[in-house]
Amino acid sequence: MKRTESVSVAEVLRQAIEESDLAGRLAETKAAAAWPSIVGASIAGQTGKPFVNDGVMTVVCRSATLRQELSMQRSILIRLINQAAGAEAVTEIRFKG
């Protein structure tokens, strides 16, 4: 089919993401990438790189004390991560030792 009007590359990408249902996975990737800016460089350095799968972010913590402190701040972290991702990408955070 021949198009008669021009379409921007951004619009084509947006449509492709919507049609292939990649928007959720893209939001999860943004959420994981936002971790260092949310918790700061010092805490990010003491944790492993987080990953998100089906709305659950998993973060490896080397310190039991840090793991407990982050667990107490879980709801605030979820809110900040979702704001940074621009979508409700994270519904739960699990901290592992």
N, C-alpha and C. Protein backbone atom coordinates (compact mmCIF):
# COMPACT_ATOMS: atom_id res chain seq x y z
N MET A 1 0.84 -1.16 0.00
CA MET A 1 0.00 0.00 0.00
C MET A 1 0.89 1.23 0.00
N LYS A 2 0.60 2.17 -0.83
CA LYS A 2 1.38 3.37 -0.96
C LYS A 2 0.81 4.46 -0.05
N ARG A 3 1.70 5.13 0.67
CA ARG A 3 1.28 6.22 1.54
C ARG A 3 1.34 7.53 0.77
N THR A 4 0.39 8.36 1.03
CA THR A 4 0.39 9.66 0.37
C THR A 4 0.84 10.78 1.30
N GLU A 5 0.88 10.52 2.60
CA GLU A 5 1.31 11.53 3.54
C GLU A 5 2.56 11.05 4.28
N SER A 6 3.40 11.98 4.68
CA SER A 6 4.62 11.60 5.38
C SER A 6 4.32 11.38 6.86
N VAL A 7 5.07 10.46 7.44
CA VAL A 7 4.93 10.13 8.86
C VAL A 7 6.32 10.18 9.47
N SER A 8 6.43 10.80 10.64
CA SER A 8 7.73 10.91 11.28
C SER A 8 8.21 9.55 11.78
N VAL A 9 9.51 9.42 11.93
CA VAL A 9 10.09 8.18 12.43
C VAL A 9 9.60 7.92 13.85
N ALA A 10 9.48 8.97 14.66
CA ALA A 10 9.00 8.83 16.03
C ALA A 10 7.59 8.25 16.06
N GLU A 11 6.76 8.69 15.15
CA GLU A 11 5.38 8.19 15.08
C GLU A 11 5.37 6.72 14.66
N VAL A 12 6.20 6.36 13.71
CA VAL A 12 6.27 4.97 13.27
C VAL A 12 6.75 4.08 14.41
N LEU A 13 7.77 4.52 15.16
CA LEU A 13 8.26 3.74 16.30
C LEU A 13 7.20 3.61 17.38
N ARG A 14 6.48 4.69 17.67
CA ARG A 14 5.43 4.66 18.68
C ARG A 14 4.36 3.64 18.30
N GLN A 15 3.96 3.65 17.03
CA GLN A 15 2.95 2.71 16.56
C GLN A 15 3.46 1.27 16.64
N ALA A 16 4.72 1.07 16.28
CA ALA A 16 5.29 -0.28 16.33
C ALA A 16 5.35 -0.80 17.76
N ILE A 17 5.70 0.05 18.70
CA ILE A 17 5.76 -0.35 20.11
C ILE A 17 4.37 -0.69 20.62
N GLU A 18 3.39 0.11 20.27
CA GLU A 18 2.01 -0.16 20.71
C GLU A 18 1.48 -1.45 20.11
N GLU A 19 1.73 -1.66 18.83
CA GLU A 19 1.20 -2.83 18.15
C GLU A 19 1.87 -4.12 18.61
N SER A 20 3.13 -4.06 18.98
CA SER A 20 3.84 -5.27 19.40
C SER A 20 3.80 -5.46 20.90
N ASP A 21 3.10 -4.58 21.62
CA ASP A 21 2.93 -4.67 23.07
C ASP A 21 4.27 -4.63 23.81
N LEU A 22 5.20 -3.83 23.31
CA LEU A 22 6.49 -3.67 23.96
C LEU A 22 6.51 -2.53 24.97
N ALA A 23 5.43 -1.80 25.08
CA ALA A 23 5.39 -0.64 25.97
C ALA A 23 5.65 -1.04 27.42
N GLY A 24 5.08 -2.15 27.86
CA GLY A 24 5.29 -2.62 29.23
C GLY A 24 6.73 -2.99 29.49
N ARG A 25 7.34 -3.69 28.56
CA ARG A 25 8.74 -4.09 28.72
C ARG A 25 9.66 -2.87 28.67
N LEU A 26 9.33 -1.90 27.84
CA LEU A 26 10.12 -0.67 27.77
C LEU A 26 10.04 0.09 29.09
N ALA A 27 8.87 0.14 29.70
CA ALA A 27 8.70 0.80 31.00
C ALA A 27 9.50 0.07 32.08
N GLU A 28 9.53 -1.26 32.03
CA GLU A 28 10.31 -2.04 32.99
C GLU A 28 11.80 -1.75 32.85
N THR A 29 12.27 -1.60 31.62
CA THR A 29 13.67 -1.29 31.38
C THR A 29 14.01 0.10 31.89
N LYS A 30 13.11 1.06 31.69
CA LYS A 30 13.32 2.41 32.21
C LYS A 30 13.36 2.39 33.74
N ALA A 31 12.50 1.58 34.35
CA ALA A 31 12.46 1.49 35.81
C ALA A 31 13.77 0.96 36.36
N ALA A 32 14.32 -0.07 35.75
CA ALA A 32 15.59 -0.62 36.22
C ALA A 32 16.73 0.38 36.03
N ALA A 33 16.69 1.10 34.92
CA ALA A 33 17.74 2.09 34.65
C ALA A 33 17.66 3.28 35.60
N ALA A 34 16.49 3.55 36.16
CA ALA A 34 16.32 4.69 37.06
C ALA A 34 16.83 4.42 38.47
N TRP A 35 17.10 3.18 38.82
CA TRP A 35 17.51 2.81 40.17
C TRP A 35 18.66 3.68 40.72
N PRO A 36 19.78 3.82 40.03
CA PRO A 36 20.88 4.62 40.59
C PRO A 36 20.51 6.09 40.85
N SER A 37 19.71 6.67 39.99
CA SER A 37 19.34 8.08 40.19
C SER A 37 18.36 8.23 41.35
N ILE A 38 17.62 7.20 41.66
CA ILE A 38 16.63 7.27 42.75
C ILE A 38 17.30 7.04 44.11
N VAL A 39 18.14 6.02 44.21
CA VAL A 39 18.74 5.69 45.50
C VAL A 39 20.09 6.37 45.72
N GLY A 40 20.68 6.92 44.67
CA GLY A 40 21.98 7.58 44.78
C GLY A 40 23.12 6.62 44.46
N ALA A 41 24.26 7.22 44.14
CA ALA A 41 25.42 6.44 43.70
C ALA A 41 25.96 5.52 44.79
N SER A 42 25.94 5.99 46.02
CA SER A 42 26.49 5.20 47.12
C SER A 42 25.70 3.91 47.33
N ILE A 43 24.38 4.02 47.42
CA ILE A 43 23.56 2.82 47.62
C ILE A 43 23.56 1.96 46.37
N ALA A 44 23.51 2.58 45.21
CA ALA A 44 23.53 1.81 43.96
C ALA A 44 24.83 1.00 43.85
N GLY A 45 25.91 1.54 44.39
CA GLY A 45 27.19 0.83 44.39
C GLY A 45 27.20 -0.37 45.31
N GLN A 46 26.31 -0.38 46.30
CA GLN A 46 26.24 -1.49 47.25
C GLN A 46 25.19 -2.51 46.86
N THR A 47 24.49 -2.26 45.77
CA THR A 47 23.48 -3.20 45.29
C THR A 47 23.86 -3.65 43.89
N GLY A 48 23.34 -4.78 43.49
CA GLY A 48 23.54 -5.23 42.13
C GLY A 48 22.62 -4.48 41.19
N LYS A 49 22.84 -4.66 39.91
CA LYS A 49 21.97 -4.03 38.92
C LYS A 49 20.58 -4.68 39.01
N PRO A 50 19.55 -3.87 39.24
CA PRO A 50 18.21 -4.45 39.38
C PRO A 50 17.66 -4.91 38.04
N PHE A 51 16.74 -5.85 38.09
CA PHE A 51 16.02 -6.25 36.90
C PHE A 51 14.54 -6.37 37.24
N VAL A 52 13.72 -6.14 36.24
CA VAL A 52 12.27 -6.16 36.43
C VAL A 52 11.67 -7.21 35.51
N ASN A 53 10.82 -8.04 36.08
CA ASN A 53 10.13 -9.06 35.31
C ASN A 53 8.69 -9.14 35.80
N ASP A 54 7.75 -8.92 34.93
CA ASP A 54 6.31 -8.95 35.26
C ASP A 54 5.96 -8.05 36.43
N GLY A 55 6.57 -6.87 36.47
CA GLY A 55 6.25 -5.88 37.50
C GLY A 55 6.97 -6.07 38.82
N VAL A 56 7.82 -7.08 38.92
CA VAL A 56 8.56 -7.33 40.15
C VAL A 56 10.02 -6.96 39.93
N MET A 57 10.50 -5.96 40.67
CA MET A 57 11.90 -5.57 40.59
C MET A 57 12.68 -6.38 41.63
N THR A 58 13.78 -6.97 41.21
CA THR A 58 14.64 -7.72 42.11
C THR A 58 15.97 -6.99 42.21
N VAL A 59 16.37 -6.73 43.46
CA VAL A 59 17.62 -6.01 43.73
C VAL A 59 18.45 -6.85 44.69
N VAL A 60 19.70 -7.12 44.33
CA VAL A 60 20.60 -7.87 45.19
C VAL A 60 21.33 -6.88 46.09
N CYS A 61 21.24 -7.10 47.40
CA CYS A 61 21.91 -6.25 48.39
C CYS A 61 22.97 -7.07 49.10
N ARG A 62 24.16 -6.52 49.20
CA ARG A 62 25.26 -7.23 49.86
C ARG A 62 25.17 -7.14 51.38
N SER A 63 24.49 -6.13 51.88
CA SER A 63 24.41 -5.87 53.31
C SER A 63 23.00 -6.13 53.82
N ALA A 64 22.90 -6.90 54.92
CA ALA A 64 21.60 -7.17 55.51
C ALA A 64 20.98 -5.90 56.07
N THR A 65 21.82 -5.01 56.59
CA THR A 65 21.33 -3.75 57.13
C THR A 65 20.72 -2.89 56.03
N LEU A 66 21.40 -2.80 54.91
CA LEU A 66 20.88 -2.03 53.77
C LEU A 66 19.61 -2.67 53.24
N ARG A 67 19.58 -3.98 53.17
CA ARG A 67 18.39 -4.70 52.69
C ARG A 67 17.18 -4.37 53.58
N GLN A 68 17.40 -4.33 54.88
CA GLN A 68 16.31 -4.02 55.81
C GLN A 68 15.85 -2.56 55.64
N GLU A 69 16.80 -1.65 55.51
CA GLU A 69 16.46 -0.23 55.34
C GLU A 69 15.68 0.00 54.05
N LEU A 70 16.13 -0.61 52.97
CA LEU A 70 15.43 -0.46 51.69
C LEU A 70 14.03 -1.11 51.76
N SER A 71 13.91 -2.21 52.48
CA SER A 71 12.61 -2.86 52.62
C SER A 71 11.61 -1.95 53.32
N MET A 72 12.08 -1.19 54.29
CA MET A 72 11.18 -0.28 55.00
C MET A 72 10.76 0.89 54.13
N GLN A 73 11.53 1.20 53.08
CA GLN A 73 11.22 2.30 52.18
C GLN A 73 10.59 1.81 50.88
N ARG A 74 10.17 0.56 50.85
CA ARG A 74 9.68 -0.09 49.63
C ARG A 74 8.57 0.70 48.91
N SER A 75 7.56 1.15 49.61
CA SER A 75 6.44 1.83 48.94
C SER A 75 6.88 3.16 48.34
N ILE A 76 7.76 3.87 49.01
CA ILE A 76 8.28 5.13 48.47
C ILE A 76 9.12 4.86 47.23
N LEU A 77 9.96 3.84 47.29
CA LEU A 77 10.80 3.49 46.14
C LEU A 77 9.95 3.11 44.93
N ILE A 78 8.91 2.34 45.15
CA ILE A 78 8.03 1.94 44.04
C ILE A 78 7.41 3.17 43.39
N ARG A 79 6.94 4.09 44.21
CA ARG A 79 6.33 5.31 43.67
C ARG A 79 7.34 6.11 42.85
N LEU A 80 8.55 6.29 43.38
CA LEU A 80 9.57 7.07 42.67
C LEU A 80 10.04 6.38 41.39
N ILE A 81 10.16 5.08 41.44
CA ILE A 81 10.58 4.32 40.25
C ILE A 81 9.52 4.44 39.15
N ASN A 82 8.27 4.30 39.51
CA ASN A 82 7.20 4.40 38.51
C ASN A 82 7.09 5.81 37.95
N GLN A 83 7.34 6.82 38.77
CA GLN A 83 7.36 8.20 38.26
C GLN A 83 8.48 8.36 37.24
N ALA A 84 9.65 7.81 37.55
CA ALA A 84 10.79 7.92 36.63
C ALA A 84 10.54 7.15 35.33
N ALA A 85 9.85 6.02 35.43
CA ALA A 85 9.57 5.21 34.24
C ALA A 85 8.43 5.79 33.42
N GLY A 86 7.61 6.62 34.02
CA GLY A 86 6.48 7.19 33.31
C GLY A 86 5.31 6.24 33.15
N ALA A 87 5.32 5.17 33.92
CA ALA A 87 4.24 4.17 33.86
C ALA A 87 4.31 3.34 35.13
N GLU A 88 3.27 2.57 35.38
CA GLU A 88 3.30 1.68 36.54
C GLU A 88 4.00 0.38 36.14
N ALA A 89 5.32 0.46 36.10
CA ALA A 89 6.14 -0.66 35.66
C ALA A 89 6.46 -1.62 36.80
N VAL A 90 6.51 -1.10 38.03
CA VAL A 90 6.91 -1.90 39.18
C VAL A 90 5.76 -1.93 40.19
N THR A 91 5.35 -3.12 40.57
CA THR A 91 4.31 -3.27 41.59
C THR A 91 4.88 -3.83 42.89
N GLU A 92 6.07 -4.40 42.82
CA GLU A 92 6.69 -5.00 43.99
C GLU A 92 8.21 -4.94 43.83
N ILE A 93 8.91 -4.81 44.96
CA ILE A 93 10.39 -4.88 44.95
C ILE A 93 10.79 -5.98 45.91
N ARG A 94 11.69 -6.83 45.45
CA ARG A 94 12.24 -7.90 46.29
C ARG A 94 13.73 -7.64 46.45
N PHE A 95 14.18 -7.67 47.70
CA PHE A 95 15.59 -7.48 48.01
C PHE A 95 16.17 -8.82 48.41
N LYS A 96 17.20 -9.25 47.69
CA LYS A 96 17.83 -10.54 47.93
C LYS A 96 19.24 -10.35 48.47
N GLY A 97 19.68 -11.33 49.23
CA GLY A 97 21.02 -11.28 49.82
C GLY A 97 22.06 -11.95 48.99
